[in-house]
Amino acid sequence: MGKVEILQEIENMSVKDLADLVEMIEERFNVSAAMAAPVAVAAAPGAEAEDAGGASDTMKVVLTSAGQKKIQVIKEIKEITGKGLKECKEIVDALPAVIKEGIGGDEATSIKEKLEGAGAEVELQ
């Protein structure tokens, strides 16, 4: 099975199955997904500009559009917030909507990247 096929299988997984897979990978290879996140966030474009601008310590992530993959966005919001599917659907239906607030810049950037990866449009404030 090639890399493309593996990615296609991952795209079709439920949030619970994906979480189980991440846990299995962490255990098998003695790594942590949390350890990799700061490296990816630090390399994100714009992160240095926010820090240099003297932005406040806390931010909020605002969903402005769910895009074409609304179901994927709802699943990401569920994973990020821990809320139920119904609540997450209501958030997506009532745009613009605050997904998470009072969080650090690194976490906000990470959440933004996840939601944009699912096809959403997101602003950090």
PDB file of N, CA and C in Angstrom:
ATOM      1  N   MET A   1       0.847  -1.174   0.000  1.00  0.00           N
ATOM      2  CA  MET A   1       0.000   0.000   0.000  1.00  0.00           C
ATOM      3  C   MET A   1       0.893   1.237   0.000  1.00  0.00           C
ATOM      4  N   GLY A   2       0.641   2.145  -0.933  1.00  0.00           N
ATOM      5  CA  GLY A   2       1.447   3.348  -1.053  1.00  0.00           C
ATOM      6  C   GLY A   2       0.953   4.460  -0.141  1.00  0.00           C
ATOM      7  N   LYS A   3       1.712   5.546  -0.114  1.00  0.00           N
ATOM      8  CA  LYS A   3       1.386   6.689   0.737  1.00  0.00           C
ATOM      9  C   LYS A   3       0.035   7.293   0.382  1.00  0.00           C
ATOM     10  N   VAL A   4      -0.259   7.390  -0.897  1.00  0.00           N
ATOM     11  CA  VAL A   4      -1.528   7.982  -1.332  1.00  0.00           C
ATOM     12  C   VAL A   4      -2.703   7.143  -0.842  1.00  0.00           C
ATOM     13  N   GLU A   5      -2.584   5.832  -0.969  1.00  0.00           N
ATOM     14  CA  GLU A   5      -3.652   4.947  -0.506  1.00  0.00           C
ATOM     15  C   GLU A   5      -3.838   5.049   1.008  1.00  0.00           C
ATOM     16  N   ILE A   6      -2.730   5.160   1.733  1.00  0.00           N
ATOM     17  CA  ILE A   6      -2.813   5.309   3.190  1.00  0.00           C
ATOM     18  C   ILE A   6      -3.545   6.596   3.541  1.00  0.00           C
ATOM     19  N   LEU A   7      -3.194   7.683   2.874  1.00  0.00           N
ATOM     20  CA  LEU A   7      -3.872   8.958   3.131  1.00  0.00           C
ATOM     21  C   LEU A   7      -5.356   8.886   2.791  1.00  0.00           C
ATOM     22  N   GLN A   8      -5.705   8.199   1.721  1.00  0.00           N
ATOM     23  CA  GLN A   8      -7.113   8.054   1.357  1.00  0.00           C
ATOM     24  C   GLN A   8      -7.868   7.275   2.428  1.00  0.00           C
ATOM     25  N   GLU A   9      -7.258   6.247   2.964  1.00  0.00           N
ATOM     26  CA  GLU A   9      -7.889   5.476   4.041  1.00  0.00           C
ATOM     27  C   GLU A   9      -8.088   6.347   5.288  1.00  0.00           C
ATOM     28  N   ILE A  10      -7.088   7.149   5.619  1.00  0.00           N
ATOM     29  CA  ILE A  10      -7.172   8.031   6.786  1.00  0.00           C
ATOM     30  C   ILE A  10      -8.292   9.049   6.598  1.00  0.00           C
ATOM     31  N   GLU A  11      -8.428   9.597   5.397  1.00  0.00           N
ATOM     32  CA  GLU A  11      -9.491  10.575   5.116  1.00  0.00           C
ATOM     33  C   GLU A  11     -10.869   9.989   5.340  1.00  0.00           C
ATOM     34  N   ASN A  12     -11.025   8.698   5.132  1.00  0.00           N
ATOM     35  CA  ASN A  12     -12.330   8.053   5.266  1.00  0.00           C
ATOM     36  C   ASN A  12     -12.628   7.573   6.680  1.00  0.00           C
ATOM     37  N   MET A  13     -11.688   7.746   7.610  1.00  0.00           N
ATOM     38  CA  MET A  13     -11.871   7.259   8.980  1.00  0.00           C
ATOM     39  C   MET A  13     -12.747   8.207   9.785  1.00  0.00           C
ATOM     40  N   SER A  14     -13.456   7.643  10.760  1.00  0.00           N
ATOM     41  CA  SER A  14     -14.224   8.472  11.687  1.00  0.00           C
ATOM     42  C   SER A  14     -13.246   9.139  12.656  1.00  0.00           C
ATOM     43  N   VAL A  15     -13.713  10.150  13.347  1.00  0.00           N
ATOM     44  CA  VAL A  15     -12.863  10.866  14.299  1.00  0.00           C
ATOM     45  C   VAL A  15     -12.370   9.909  15.383  1.00  0.00           C
ATOM     46  N   LYS A  16     -13.253   9.031  15.864  1.00  0.00           N
ATOM     47  CA  LYS A  16     -12.872   8.075  16.913  1.00  0.00           C
ATOM     48  C   LYS A  16     -11.801   7.110  16.401  1.00  0.00           C
ATOM     49  N   ASP A  17     -12.000   6.575  15.191  1.00  0.00           N
ATOM     50  CA  ASP A  17     -11.007   5.661  14.622  1.00  0.00           C
ATOM     51  C   ASP A  17      -9.671   6.363  14.417  1.00  0.00           C
ATOM     52  N   LEU A  18      -9.717   7.615  13.988  1.00  0.00           N
ATOM     53  CA  LEU A  18      -8.494   8.384  13.777  1.00  0.00           C
ATOM     54  C   LEU A  18      -7.769   8.620  15.101  1.00  0.00           C
ATOM     55  N   ALA A  19      -8.522   8.940  16.152  1.00  0.00           N
ATOM     56  CA  ALA A  19      -7.921   9.128  17.473  1.00  0.00           C
ATOM     57  C   ALA A  19      -7.276   7.836  17.961  1.00  0.00           C
ATOM     58  N   ASP A  20      -7.956   6.698  17.726  1.00  0.00           N
ATOM     59  CA  ASP A  20      -7.387   5.400  18.105  1.00  0.00           C
ATOM     60  C   ASP A  20      -6.101   5.122  17.328  1.00  0.00           C
ATOM     61  N   LEU A  21      -6.099   5.450  16.040  1.00  0.00           N
ATOM     62  CA  LEU A  21      -4.909   5.246  15.217  1.00  0.00           C
ATOM     63  C   LEU A  21      -3.738   6.080  15.719  1.00  0.00           C
ATOM     64  N   VAL A  22      -3.990   7.344  16.049  1.00  0.00           N
ATOM     65  CA  VAL A  22      -2.933   8.215  16.570  1.00  0.00           C
ATOM     66  C   VAL A  22      -2.367   7.625  17.852  1.00  0.00           C
ATOM     67  N   GLU A  23      -3.249   7.155  18.722  1.00  0.00           N
ATOM     68  CA  GLU A  23      -2.796   6.554  19.978  1.00  0.00           C
ATOM     69  C   GLU A  23      -1.928   5.315  19.722  1.00  0.00           C
ATOM     70  N   MET A  24      -2.336   4.489  18.765  1.00  0.00           N
ATOM     71  CA  MET A  24      -1.557   3.293  18.435  1.00  0.00           C
ATOM     72  C   MET A  24      -0.182   3.660  17.884  1.00  0.00           C
ATOM     73  N   ILE A  25      -0.136   4.679  17.032  1.00  0.00           N
ATOM     74  CA  ILE A  25       1.142   5.118  16.460  1.00  0.00           C
ATOM     75  C   ILE A  25       2.039   5.659  17.568  1.00  0.00           C
ATOM     76  N   GLU A  26       1.471   6.435  18.485  1.00  0.00           N
ATOM     77  CA  GLU A  26       2.258   6.982  19.588  1.00  0.00           C
ATOM     78  C   GLU A  26       2.870   5.866  20.435  1.00  0.00           C
ATOM     79  N   GLU A  27       2.065   4.838  20.722  1.00  0.00           N
ATOM     80  CA  GLU A  27       2.550   3.729  21.535  1.00  0.00           C
ATOM     81  C   GLU A  27       3.602   2.906  20.802  1.00  0.00           C
ATOM     82  N   ARG A  28       3.338   2.561  19.546  1.00  0.00           N
ATOM     83  CA  ARG A  28       4.241   1.692  18.796  1.00  0.00           C
ATOM     84  C   ARG A  28       5.597   2.333  18.562  1.00  0.00           C
ATOM     85  N   PHE A  29       5.614   3.633  18.217  1.00  0.00           N
ATOM     86  CA  PHE A  29       6.859   4.301  17.866  1.00  0.00           C
ATOM     87  C   PHE A  29       7.402   5.184  18.975  1.00  0.00           C
ATOM     88  N   ASN A  30       6.755   5.124  20.144  1.00  0.00           N
ATOM     89  CA  ASN A  30       7.189   5.888  21.313  1.00  0.00           C
ATOM     90  C   ASN A  30       7.365   7.380  20.979  1.00  0.00           C
ATOM     91  N   VAL A  31       6.338   7.940  20.346  1.00  0.00           N
ATOM     92  CA  VAL A  31       6.324   9.355  19.994  1.00  0.00           C
ATOM     93  C   VAL A  31       5.033   9.968  20.524  1.00  0.00           C
ATOM     94  N   SER A  32       4.952  11.293  20.445  1.00  0.00           N
ATOM     95  CA  SER A  32       3.746  11.981  20.871  1.00  0.00           C
ATOM     96  C   SER A  32       3.352  12.989  19.813  1.00  0.00           C
ATOM     97  N   ALA A  33       2.072  13.007  19.437  1.00  0.00           N
ATOM     98  CA  ALA A  33       1.587  13.994  18.475  1.00  0.00           C
ATOM     99  C   ALA A  33       1.722  15.390  19.065  1.00  0.00           C
ATOM    100  N   ALA A  34       1.609  15.520  20.356  1.00  0.00           N
ATOM    101  CA  ALA A  34       1.747  16.823  21.016  1.00  0.00           C
ATOM    102  C   ALA A  34       3.173  17.350  20.884  1.00  0.00           C
ATOM    103  N   MET A  35       4.156  16.461  20.842  1.00  0.00           N
ATOM    104  CA  MET A  35       5.544  16.891  20.699  1.00  0.00           C
ATOM    105  C   MET A  35       5.781  17.487  19.316  1.00  0.00           C
ATOM    106  N   ALA A  36       5.111  16.974  18.298  1.00  0.00           N
ATOM    107  CA  ALA A  36       5.326  17.439  16.927  1.00  0.00           C
ATOM    108  C   ALA A  36       4.604  18.750  16.651  1.00  0.00           C
ATOM    109  N   ALA A  37       3.519  19.019  17.357  1.00  0.00           N
ATOM    110  CA  ALA A  37       2.705  20.209  17.077  1.00  0.00           C
ATOM    111  C   ALA A  37       3.477  21.517  17.195  1.00  0.00           C
ATOM    112  N   PRO A  38       4.265  21.755  18.261  1.00  0.00           N
ATOM    113  CA  PRO A  38       4.964  23.037  18.335  1.00  0.00           C
ATOM    114  C   PRO A  38       5.935  23.255  17.184  1.00  0.00           C
ATOM    115  N   VAL A  39       6.529  22.199  16.656  1.00  0.00           N
ATOM    116  CA  VAL A  39       7.448  22.341  15.543  1.00  0.00           C
ATOM    117  C   VAL A  39       6.689  22.816  14.312  1.00  0.00           C
ATOM    118  N   ALA A  40       5.540  22.201  14.032  1.00  0.00           N
ATOM    119  CA  ALA A  40       4.745  22.584  12.874  1.00  0.00           C
ATOM    120  C   ALA A  40       4.204  23.995  13.023  1.00  0.00           C
ATOM    121  N   VAL A  41       3.774  24.346  14.208  1.00  0.00           N
ATOM    122  CA  VAL A  41       3.213  25.672  14.445  1.00  0.00           C
ATOM    123  C   VAL A  41       4.296  26.732  14.340  1.00  0.00           C
ATOM    124  N   ALA A  42       5.476  26.442  14.848  1.00  0.00           N
ATOM    125  CA  ALA A  42       6.557  27.417  14.803  1.00  0.00           C
ATOM    126  C   ALA A  42       6.936  27.745  13.364  1.00  0.00           C
ATOM    127  N   ALA A  43       6.767  26.803  12.464  1.00  0.00           N
ATOM    128  CA  ALA A  43       7.124  27.020  11.069  1.00  0.00           C
ATOM    129  C   ALA A  43       5.999  27.669  10.272  1.00  0.00           C
ATOM    130  N   ALA A  44       4.830  27.839  10.895  1.00  0.00           N
ATOM    131  CA  ALA A  44       3.683  28.402  10.184  1.00  0.00           C
ATOM    132  C   ALA A  44       3.937  29.849   9.804  1.00  0.00           C
ATOM    133  N   PRO A  45       3.612  30.213   8.561  1.00  0.00           N
ATOM    134  CA  PRO A  45       3.807  31.602   8.155  1.00  0.00           C
ATOM    135  C   PRO A  45       2.867  32.512   8.930  1.00  0.00           C
ATOM    136  N   GLY A  46       3.365  33.672   9.301  1.00  0.00           N
ATOM    137  CA  GLY A  46       2.544  34.635  10.021  1.00  0.00           C
ATOM    138  C   GLY A  46       2.662  34.535  11.530  1.00  0.00           C
ATOM    139  N   ALA A  47       3.121  33.418  12.049  1.00  0.00           N
ATOM    140  CA  ALA A  47       3.209  33.259  13.496  1.00  0.00           C
ATOM    141  C   ALA A  47       4.207  34.250  14.081  1.00  0.00           C
ATOM    142  N   GLU A  48       5.331  34.457  13.383  1.00  0.00           N
ATOM    143  CA  GLU A  48       6.319  35.403  13.886  1.00  0.00           C
ATOM    144  C   GLU A  48       5.781  36.823  13.840  1.00  0.00           C
ATOM    145  N   ALA A  49       5.012  37.134  12.824  1.00  0.00           N
ATOM    146  CA  ALA A  49       4.456  38.485  12.695  1.00  0.00           C
ATOM    147  C   ALA A  49       3.505  38.782  13.846  1.00  0.00           C
ATOM    148  N   GLU A  50       2.717  37.792  14.266  1.00  0.00           N
ATOM    149  CA  GLU A  50       1.804  38.000  15.381  1.00  0.00           C
ATOM    150  C   GLU A  50       2.585  38.262  16.663  1.00  0.00           C
ATOM    151  N   ASP A  51       3.639  37.487  16.890  1.00  0.00           N
ATOM    152  CA  ASP A  51       4.436  37.661  18.098  1.00  0.00           C
ATOM    153  C   ASP A  51       5.153  39.001  18.073  1.00  0.00           C
ATOM    154  N   ALA A  52       5.689  39.376  16.932  1.00  0.00           N
ATOM    155  CA  ALA A  52       6.435  40.621  16.818  1.00  0.00           C
ATOM    156  C   ALA A  52       5.522  41.830  16.975  1.00  0.00           C
ATOM    157  N   GLY A  53       4.246  41.671  16.623  1.00  0.00           N
ATOM    158  CA  GLY A  53       3.302  42.772  16.702  1.00  0.00           C
ATOM    159  C   GLY A  53       2.847  43.058  18.111  1.00  0.00           C
ATOM    160  N   GLY A  54       3.281  42.286  19.070  1.00  0.00           N
ATOM    161  CA  GLY A  54       2.897  42.514  20.451  1.00  0.00           C
ATOM    162  C   GLY A  54       1.442  42.145  20.704  1.00  0.00           C
ATOM    163  N   ALA A  55       0.942  41.149  20.015  1.00  0.00           N
ATOM    164  CA  ALA A  55      -0.434  40.725  20.183  1.00  0.00           C
ATOM    165  C   ALA A  55      -0.641  40.206  21.601  1.00  0.00           C
ATOM    166  N   SER A  56      -1.896  40.272  22.051  1.00  0.00           N
ATOM    167  CA  SER A  56      -2.186  39.818  23.405  1.00  0.00           C
ATOM    168  C   SER A  56      -1.886  38.332  23.537  1.00  0.00           C
ATOM    169  N   ASP A  57      -1.812  37.874  24.790  1.00  0.00           N
ATOM    170  CA  ASP A  57      -1.453  36.490  25.055  1.00  0.00           C
ATOM    171  C   ASP A  57      -2.550  35.513  24.653  1.00  0.00           C
ATOM    172  N   THR A  58      -3.806  35.969  24.621  1.00  0.00           N
ATOM    173  CA  THR A  58      -4.890  35.061  24.285  1.00  0.00           C
ATOM    174  C   THR A  58      -5.544  35.454  22.968  1.00  0.00           C
ATOM    175  N   MET A  59      -6.043  34.439  22.301  1.00  0.00           N
ATOM    176  CA  MET A  59      -6.675  34.640  21.000  1.00  0.00           C
ATOM    177  C   MET A  59      -7.969  33.859  20.953  1.00  0.00           C
ATOM    178  N   LYS A  60      -8.747  34.111  19.901  1.00  0.00           N
ATOM    179  CA  LYS A  60      -9.910  33.278  19.659  1.00  0.00           C
ATOM    180  C   LYS A  60      -9.930  32.880  18.192  1.00  0.00           C
ATOM    181  N   VAL A  61     -10.455  31.692  17.940  1.00  0.00           N
ATOM    182  CA  VAL A  61     -10.541  31.143  16.597  1.00  0.00           C
ATOM    183  C   VAL A  61     -11.988  31.305  16.135  1.00  0.00           C
ATOM    184  N   VAL A  62     -12.177  32.013  15.014  1.00  0.00           N
ATOM    185  CA  VAL A  62     -13.519  32.291  14.509  1.00  0.00           C
ATOM    186  C   VAL A  62     -13.693  31.623  13.147  1.00  0.00           C
ATOM    187  N   LEU A  63     -14.709  30.780  13.042  1.00  0.00           N
ATOM    188  CA  LEU A  63     -15.039  30.115  11.786  1.00  0.00           C
ATOM    189  C   LEU A  63     -15.894  31.076  10.961  1.00  0.00           C
ATOM    190  N   THR A  64     -15.440  31.416   9.762  1.00  0.00           N
ATOM    191  CA  THR A  64     -16.182  32.342   8.911  1.00  0.00           C
ATOM    192  C   THR A  64     -16.918  31.637   7.782  1.00  0.00           C
ATOM    193  N   SER A  65     -16.459  30.438   7.392  1.00  0.00           N
ATOM    194  CA  SER A  65     -17.121  29.664   6.344  1.00  0.00           C
ATOM    195  C   SER A  65     -16.745  28.196   6.501  1.00  0.00           C
ATOM    196  N   ALA A  66     -17.729  27.318   6.308  1.00  0.00           N
ATOM    197  CA  ALA A  66     -17.464  25.880   6.394  1.00  0.00           C
ATOM    198  C   ALA A  66     -16.921  25.338   5.082  1.00  0.00           C
ATOM    199  N   GLY A  67     -17.038  26.103   4.013  1.00  0.00           N
ATOM    200  CA  GLY A  67     -16.530  25.650   2.727  1.00  0.00           C
ATOM    201  C   GLY A  67     -17.353  24.513   2.148  1.00  0.00           C
ATOM    202  N   GLN A  68     -16.770  23.744   1.251  1.00  0.00           N
ATOM    203  CA  GLN A  68     -17.465  22.671   0.542  1.00  0.00           C
ATOM    204  C   GLN A  68     -17.543  21.362   1.327  1.00  0.00           C
ATOM    205  N   LYS A  69     -16.693  21.207   2.336  1.00  0.00           N
ATOM    206  CA  LYS A  69     -16.632  19.951   3.096  1.00  0.00           C
ATOM    207  C   LYS A  69     -17.185  20.168   4.504  1.00  0.00           C
ATOM    208  N   LYS A  70     -18.448  20.535   4.579  1.00  0.00           N
ATOM    209  CA  LYS A  70     -19.086  20.881   5.857  1.00  0.00           C
ATOM    210  C   LYS A  70     -18.986  19.743   6.883  1.00  0.00           C
ATOM    211  N   ILE A  71     -19.181  18.515   6.442  1.00  0.00           N
ATOM    212  CA  ILE A  71     -19.139  17.373   7.369  1.00  0.00           C
ATOM    213  C   ILE A  71     -17.747  17.220   7.974  1.00  0.00           C
ATOM    214  N   GLN A  72     -16.702  17.373   7.153  1.00  0.00           N
ATOM    215  CA  GLN A  72     -15.331  17.285   7.656  1.00  0.00           C
ATOM    216  C   GLN A  72     -15.061  18.387   8.678  1.00  0.00           C
ATOM    217  N   VAL A  73     -15.573  19.585   8.404  1.00  0.00           N
ATOM    218  CA  VAL A  73     -15.383  20.711   9.320  1.00  0.00           C
ATOM    219  C   VAL A  73     -16.083  20.423  10.645  1.00  0.00           C
ATOM    220  N   ILE A  74     -17.304  19.874  10.576  1.00  0.00           N
ATOM    221  CA  ILE A  74     -18.045  19.526  11.800  1.00  0.00           C
ATOM    222  C   ILE A  74     -17.260  18.505  12.616  1.00  0.00           C
ATOM    223  N   LYS A  75     -16.678  17.507  11.942  1.00  0.00           N
ATOM    224  CA  LYS A  75     -15.881  16.493  12.643  1.00  0.00           C
ATOM    225  C   LYS A  75     -14.663  17.121  13.321  1.00  0.00           C
ATOM    226  N   GLU A  76     -13.999  18.046  12.637  1.00  0.00           N
ATOM    227  CA  GLU A  76     -12.832  18.725  13.224  1.00  0.00           C
ATOM    228  C   GLU A  76     -13.242  19.537  14.446  1.00  0.00           C
ATOM    229  N   ILE A  77     -14.355  20.254  14.347  1.00  0.00           N
ATOM    230  CA  ILE A  77     -14.830  21.054  15.479  1.00  0.00           C
ATOM    231  C   ILE A  77     -15.145  20.150  16.659  1.00  0.00           C
ATOM    232  N   LYS A  78     -15.736  18.992  16.381  1.00  0.00           N
ATOM    233  CA  LYS A  78     -16.045  18.023  17.440  1.00  0.00           C
ATOM    234  C   LYS A  78     -14.764  17.583  18.140  1.00  0.00           C
ATOM    235  N   GLU A  79     -13.749  17.290  17.356  1.00  0.00           N
ATOM    236  CA  GLU A  79     -12.469  16.851  17.921  1.00  0.00           C
ATOM    237  C   GLU A  79     -11.819  17.970  18.740  1.00  0.00           C
ATOM    238  N   ILE A  80     -11.897  19.204  18.241  1.00  0.00           N
ATOM    239  CA  ILE A  80     -11.260  20.339  18.904  1.00  0.00           C
ATOM    240  C   ILE A  80     -11.968  20.704  20.205  1.00  0.00           C
ATOM    241  N   THR A  81     -13.308  20.733  20.153  1.00  0.00           N
ATOM    242  CA  THR A  81     -14.078  21.226  21.302  1.00  0.00           C
ATOM    243  C   THR A  81     -14.546  20.135  22.251  1.00  0.00           C
ATOM    244  N   GLY A  82     -14.675  18.912  21.739  1.00  0.00           N
ATOM    245  CA  GLY A  82     -15.197  17.828  22.568  1.00  0.00           C
ATOM    246  C   GLY A  82     -16.717  17.864  22.684  1.00  0.00           C
ATOM    247  N   LYS A  83     -17.364  18.721  21.920  1.00  0.00           N
ATOM    248  CA  LYS A  83     -18.823  18.817  21.943  1.00  0.00           C
ATOM    249  C   LYS A  83     -19.427  17.724  21.075  1.00  0.00           C
ATOM    250  N   GLY A  84     -20.746  17.545  21.199  1.00  0.00           N
ATOM    251  CA  GLY A  84     -21.458  16.554  20.400  1.00  0.00           C
ATOM    252  C   GLY A  84     -21.629  17.007  18.963  1.00  0.00           C
ATOM    253  N   LEU A  85     -21.960  16.051  18.091  1.00  0.00           N
ATOM    254  CA  LEU A  85     -22.127  16.361  16.673  1.00  0.00           C
ATOM    255  C   LEU A  85     -23.217  17.403  16.440  1.00  0.00           C
ATOM    256  N   LYS A  86     -24.322  17.290  17.178  1.00  0.00           N
ATOM    257  CA  LYS A  86     -25.433  18.232  17.003  1.00  0.00           C
ATOM    258  C   LYS A  86     -24.982  19.650  17.337  1.00  0.00           C
ATOM    259  N   GLU A  87     -24.268  19.794  18.464  1.00  0.00           N
ATOM    260  CA  GLU A  87     -23.770  21.110  18.862  1.00  0.00           C
ATOM    261  C   GLU A  87     -22.789  21.662  17.824  1.00  0.00           C
ATOM    262  N   CYS A  88     -21.936  20.803  17.302  1.00  0.00           N
ATOM    263  CA  CYS A  88     -20.956  21.235  16.309  1.00  0.00           C
ATOM    264  C   CYS A  88     -21.637  21.653  15.013  1.00  0.00           C
ATOM    265  N   LYS A  89     -22.694  20.942  14.625  1.00  0.00           N
ATOM    266  CA  LYS A  89     -23.445  21.313  13.425  1.00  0.00           C
ATOM    267  C   LYS A  89     -24.098  22.680  13.632  1.00  0.00           C
ATOM    268  N   GLU A  90     -24.633  22.925  14.820  1.00  0.00           N
ATOM    269  CA  GLU A  90     -25.255  24.217  15.117  1.00  0.00           C
ATOM    270  C   GLU A  90     -24.227  25.347  15.030  1.00  0.00           C
ATOM    271  N   ILE A  91     -23.012  25.079  15.474  1.00  0.00           N
ATOM    272  CA  ILE A  91     -21.940  26.082  15.373  1.00  0.00           C
ATOM    273  C   ILE A  91     -21.682  26.417  13.908  1.00  0.00           C
ATOM    274  N   VAL A  92     -21.569  25.390  13.077  1.00  0.00           N
ATOM    275  CA  VAL A  92     -21.277  25.590  11.651  1.00  0.00           C
ATOM    276  C   VAL A  92     -22.433  26.303  10.948  1.00  0.00           C
ATOM    277  N   ASP A  93     -23.654  26.063  11.405  1.00  0.00           N
ATOM    278  CA  ASP A  93     -24.821  26.693  10.780  1.00  0.00           C
ATOM    279  C   ASP A  93     -24.992  28.149  11.191  1.00  0.00           C
ATOM    280  N   ALA A  94     -24.334  28.587  12.259  1.00  0.00           N
ATOM    281  CA  ALA A  94     -24.493  29.953  12.771  1.00  0.00           C
ATOM    282  C   ALA A  94     -23.191  30.739  12.608  1.00  0.00           C
ATOM    283  N   LEU A  95     -22.826  31.008  11.368  1.00  0.00           N
ATOM    284  CA  LEU A  95     -21.558  31.697  11.099  1.00  0.00           C
ATOM    285  C   LEU A  95     -21.724  33.204  11.121  1.00  0.00           C
ATOM    286  N   PRO A  96     -20.723  33.970  11.484  1.00  0.00           N
ATOM    287  CA  PRO A  96     -19.432  33.525  12.016  1.00  0.00           C
ATOM    288  C   PRO A  96     -19.599  32.999  13.438  1.00  0.00           C
ATOM    289  N   ALA A  97     -18.768  32.041  13.809  1.00  0.00           N
ATOM    290  CA  ALA A  97     -18.876  31.400  15.111  1.00  0.00           C
ATOM    291  C   ALA A  97     -17.503  31.242  15.750  1.00  0.00           C
ATOM    292  N   VAL A  98     -17.443  31.520  17.043  1.00  0.00           N
ATOM    293  CA  VAL A  98     -16.204  31.332  17.803  1.00  0.00           C
ATOM    294  C   VAL A  98     -16.068  29.851  18.121  1.00  0.00           C
ATOM    295  N   ILE A  99     -14.970  29.256  17.691  1.00  0.00           N
ATOM    296  CA  ILE A  99     -14.717  27.840  17.943  1.00  0.00           C
ATOM    297  C   ILE A  99     -14.064  27.664  19.308  1.00  0.00           C
ATOM    298  N   LYS A 100     -13.067  28.491  19.585  1.00  0.00           N
ATOM    299  CA  LYS A 100     -12.370  28.426  20.868  1.00  0.00           C
ATOM    300  C   LYS A 100     -11.787  29.796  21.154  1.00  0.00           C
ATOM    301  N   GLU A 101     -11.833  30.217  22.411  1.00  0.00           N
ATOM    302  CA  GLU A 101     -11.281  31.524  22.758  1.00  0.00           C
ATOM    303  C   GLU A 101     -10.479  31.441  24.047  1.00  0.00           C
ATOM    304  N   GLY A 102      -9.675  32.479  24.273  1.00  0.00           N
ATOM    305  CA  GLY A 102      -8.836  32.510  25.461  1.00  0.00           C
ATOM    306  C   GLY A 102      -7.682  31.526  25.392  1.00  0.00           C
ATOM    307  N   ILE A 103      -7.185  31.280  24.184  1.00  0.00           N
ATOM    308  CA  ILE A 103      -6.108  30.303  24.003  1.00  0.00           C
ATOM    309  C   ILE A 103      -4.859  31.009  23.493  1.00  0.00           C
ATOM    310  N   GLY A 104      -3.736  30.339  23.610  1.00  0.00           N
ATOM    311  CA  GLY A 104      -2.462  30.882  23.155  1.00  0.00           C
ATOM    312  C   GLY A 104      -2.353  30.888  21.637  1.00  0.00           C
ATOM    313  N   GLY A 105      -1.416  31.637  21.143  1.00  0.00           N
ATOM    314  CA  GLY A 105      -1.221  31.771  19.711  1.00  0.00           C
ATOM    315  C   GLY A 105      -0.871  30.469  19.022  1.00  0.00           C
ATOM    316  N   ASP A 106      -0.046  29.641  19.668  1.00  0.00           N
ATOM    317  CA  ASP A 106       0.344  28.366  19.063  1.00  0.00           C
ATOM    318  C   ASP A 106      -0.870  27.452  18.896  1.00  0.00           C
ATOM    319  N   GLU A 107      -1.688  27.359  19.944  1.00  0.00           N
ATOM    320  CA  GLU A 107      -2.874  26.511  19.881  1.00  0.00           C
ATOM    321  C   GLU A 107      -3.862  27.055  18.848  1.00  0.00           C
ATOM    322  N   ALA A 108      -4.036  28.375  18.814  1.00  0.00           N
ATOM    323  CA  ALA A 108      -4.952  28.994  17.853  1.00  0.00           C
ATOM    324  C   ALA A 108      -4.503  28.705  16.423  1.00  0.00           C
ATOM    325  N   THR A 109      -3.220  28.821  16.163  1.00  0.00           N
ATOM    326  CA  THR A 109      -2.688  28.553  14.826  1.00  0.00           C
ATOM    327  C   THR A 109      -2.884  27.089  14.455  1.00  0.00           C
ATOM    328  N   SER A 110      -2.671  26.205  15.404  1.00  0.00           N
ATOM    329  CA  SER A 110      -2.846  24.777  15.162  1.00  0.00           C
ATOM    330  C   SER A 110      -4.305  24.465  14.816  1.00  0.00           C
ATOM    331  N   ILE A 111      -5.232  25.045  15.567  1.00  0.00           N
ATOM    332  CA  ILE A 111      -6.658  24.834  15.307  1.00  0.00           C
ATOM    333  C   ILE A 111      -7.028  25.392  13.938  1.00  0.00           C
ATOM    334  N   LYS A 112      -6.510  26.565  13.623  1.00  0.00           N
ATOM    335  CA  LYS A 112      -6.783  27.179  12.320  1.00  0.00           C
ATOM    336  C   LYS A 112      -6.317  26.265  11.192  1.00  0.00           C
ATOM    337  N   GLU A 113      -5.120  25.705  11.321  1.00  0.00           N
ATOM    338  CA  GLU A 113      -4.583  24.814  10.295  1.00  0.00           C
ATOM    339  C   GLU A 113      -5.449  23.567  10.132  1.00  0.00           C
ATOM    340  N   LYS A 114      -5.926  23.003  11.251  1.00  0.00           N
ATOM    341  CA  LYS A 114      -6.781  21.813  11.177  1.00  0.00           C
ATOM    342  C   LYS A 114      -8.075  22.124  10.441  1.00  0.00           C
ATOM    343  N   LEU A 115      -8.700  23.246  10.804  1.00  0.00           N
ATOM    344  CA  LEU A 115      -9.974  23.603  10.177  1.00  0.00           C
ATOM    345  C   LEU A 115      -9.792  23.956   8.702  1.00  0.00           C
ATOM    346  N   GLU A 116      -8.720  24.666   8.373  1.00  0.00           N
ATOM    347  CA  GLU A 116      -8.467  24.994   6.979  1.00  0.00           C
ATOM    348  C   GLU A 116      -8.150  23.741   6.177  1.00  0.00           C
ATOM    349  N   GLY A 117      -7.507  22.772   6.816  1.00  0.00           N
ATOM    350  CA  GLY A 117      -7.235  21.503   6.161  1.00  0.00           C
ATOM    351  C   GLY A 117      -8.513  20.748   5.820  1.00  0.00           C
ATOM    352  N   ALA A 118      -9.577  21.006   6.602  1.00  0.00           N
ATOM    353  CA  ALA A 118     -10.870  20.377   6.343  1.00  0.00           C
ATOM    354  C   ALA A 118     -11.705  21.190   5.347  1.00  0.00           C
ATOM    355  N   GLY A 119     -11.168  22.349   4.919  1.00  0.00           N
ATOM    356  CA  GLY A 119     -11.852  23.149   3.906  1.00  0.00           C
ATOM    357  C   GLY A 119     -12.546  24.394   4.427  1.00  0.00           C
ATOM    358  N   ALA A 120     -12.381  24.716   5.706  1.00  0.00           N
ATOM    359  CA  ALA A 120     -13.048  25.870   6.295  1.00  0.00           C
ATOM    360  C   ALA A 120     -12.232  27.145   6.100  1.00  0.00           C
ATOM    361  N   GLU A 121     -12.895  28.282   6.282  1.00  0.00           N
ATOM    362  CA  GLU A 121     -12.221  29.569   6.325  1.00  0.00           C
ATOM    363  C   GLU A 121     -12.261  30.041   7.766  1.00  0.00           C
ATOM    364  N   VAL A 122     -11.102  30.425   8.294  1.00  0.00           N
ATOM    365  CA  VAL A 122     -10.964  30.729   9.722  1.00  0.00           C
ATOM    366  C   VAL A 122     -10.180  32.018   9.900  1.00  0.00           C
ATOM    367  N   GLU A 123     -10.563  32.781  10.925  1.00  0.00           N
ATOM    368  CA  GLU A 123      -9.822  33.983  11.303  1.00  0.00           C
ATOM    369  C   GLU A 123      -9.351  33.836  12.738  1.00  0.00           C
ATOM    370  N   LEU A 124      -8.176  34.373  13.018  1.00  0.00           N
ATOM    371  CA  LEU A 124      -7.681  34.456  14.393  1.00  0.00           C
ATOM    372  C   LEU A 124      -7.826  35.895  14.859  1.00  0.00           C
ATOM    373  N   GLN A 125      -8.406  36.070  16.028  1.00  0.00           N
ATOM    374  CA  GLN A 125      -8.603  37.422  16.563  1.00  0.00           C
ATOM    375  C   GLN A 125      -8.013  37.521  17.945  1.00  0.00           C
TER     376      GLN A 125
END
